[in-house]
Amino acid sequence: MTVVTIKGKINEKGELNLKHPSFSPEEEVEVTVVMTEKHSYDFSDLAGKLSWKGDGLLEQKKLRNEWE
């Protein structure tokens, strides 16, 4: 058994074409597809609920000064 990892892109038709020099014509292969999901957090449930009375610029400067 040989394991080959190839990254590809699924086209607009939903097809994935794989070409690799080690593939022999008409050879039976087993393909595993791992799709990474894009997670984006929905912050709308926090809108209007967070309140902070501090000065953002001042706090940022304090944090930067910690590194000096």
Protein backbone atom coordinates (compact mmCIF):
# COMPACT_ATOMS: atom_id res chain seq x y z
CA MET A 1 0.00 0.00 0.00
CA THR A 2 1.20 3.51 -0.81
CA VAL A 3 -0.20 6.63 0.84
CA VAL A 4 -0.20 9.83 -1.21
CA THR A 5 -1.59 13.13 0.07
CA ILE A 6 -2.75 15.56 -2.59
CA LYS A 7 -4.61 18.82 -2.03
CA GLY A 8 -7.14 19.71 -4.65
CA LYS A 9 -9.99 22.08 -5.29
CA ILE A 10 -13.55 21.08 -6.07
CA ASN A 11 -14.74 22.88 -9.19
CA GLU A 12 -18.09 24.60 -9.74
CA LYS A 13 -19.58 21.30 -10.92
CA GLY A 14 -18.64 19.59 -7.65
CA GLU A 15 -15.89 17.56 -9.32
CA LEU A 16 -12.43 16.86 -7.95
CA ASN A 17 -9.75 15.91 -10.48
CA LEU A 18 -6.60 14.23 -9.19
CA LYS A 19 -3.49 13.75 -11.32
CA HIS A 20 -0.25 12.33 -10.01
CA PRO A 21 2.68 10.69 -11.84
CA SER A 22 2.58 7.62 -9.57
CA PHE A 23 -1.01 6.77 -10.56
CA SER A 24 -1.16 3.87 -13.01
CA PRO A 25 -3.90 3.83 -15.66
CA GLU A 26 -6.92 1.71 -14.76
CA GLU A 27 -5.57 0.93 -11.29
CA GLU A 28 -8.13 0.58 -8.50
CA VAL A 29 -7.63 3.13 -5.73
CA GLU A 30 -9.34 4.09 -2.49
CA VAL A 31 -9.82 7.81 -1.89
CA THR A 32 -10.50 9.51 1.44
CA VAL A 33 -11.70 13.10 1.27
CA VAL A 34 -11.19 15.37 4.29
CA MET A 35 -13.03 18.66 4.03
CA THR A 36 -12.17 21.48 6.41
CA GLU A 37 -15.21 23.47 7.46
CA LYS A 38 -14.92 27.21 7.69
CA HIS A 39 -16.18 28.30 11.08
CA SER A 40 -17.19 31.86 11.58
CA TYR A 41 -18.55 32.92 14.94
CA ASP A 42 -21.79 34.85 14.98
CA PHE A 43 -21.32 37.75 17.37
CA SER A 44 -24.87 39.06 16.92
CA ASP A 45 -25.99 37.48 20.19
CA LEU A 46 -23.46 39.69 22.02
CA ALA A 47 -24.42 42.94 20.32
CA GLY A 48 -25.40 45.55 22.88
CA LYS A 49 -24.63 43.30 25.85
CA LEU A 50 -20.98 44.14 26.40
CA SER A 51 -20.20 47.38 28.12
CA TRP A 52 -16.85 48.75 29.21
CA LYS A 53 -16.20 52.15 30.71
CA GLY A 54 -12.41 52.18 30.22
CA ASP A 55 -10.25 54.01 27.71
CA GLY A 56 -9.33 51.55 24.95
CA LEU A 57 -6.26 53.47 23.78
CA LEU A 58 -4.90 53.80 27.31
CA GLU A 59 -5.34 50.07 27.98
CA GLN A 60 -3.66 49.21 24.71
CA LYS A 61 -0.65 51.39 25.61
CA LYS A 62 -0.43 49.69 29.03
CA LEU A 63 -0.33 46.27 27.40
CA ARG A 64 2.36 47.37 24.96
CA ASN A 65 4.45 48.86 27.77
CA GLU A 66 4.45 45.51 29.58
CA TRP A 67 6.78 44.18 26.88
CA GLU A 68 9.38 46.91 27.36
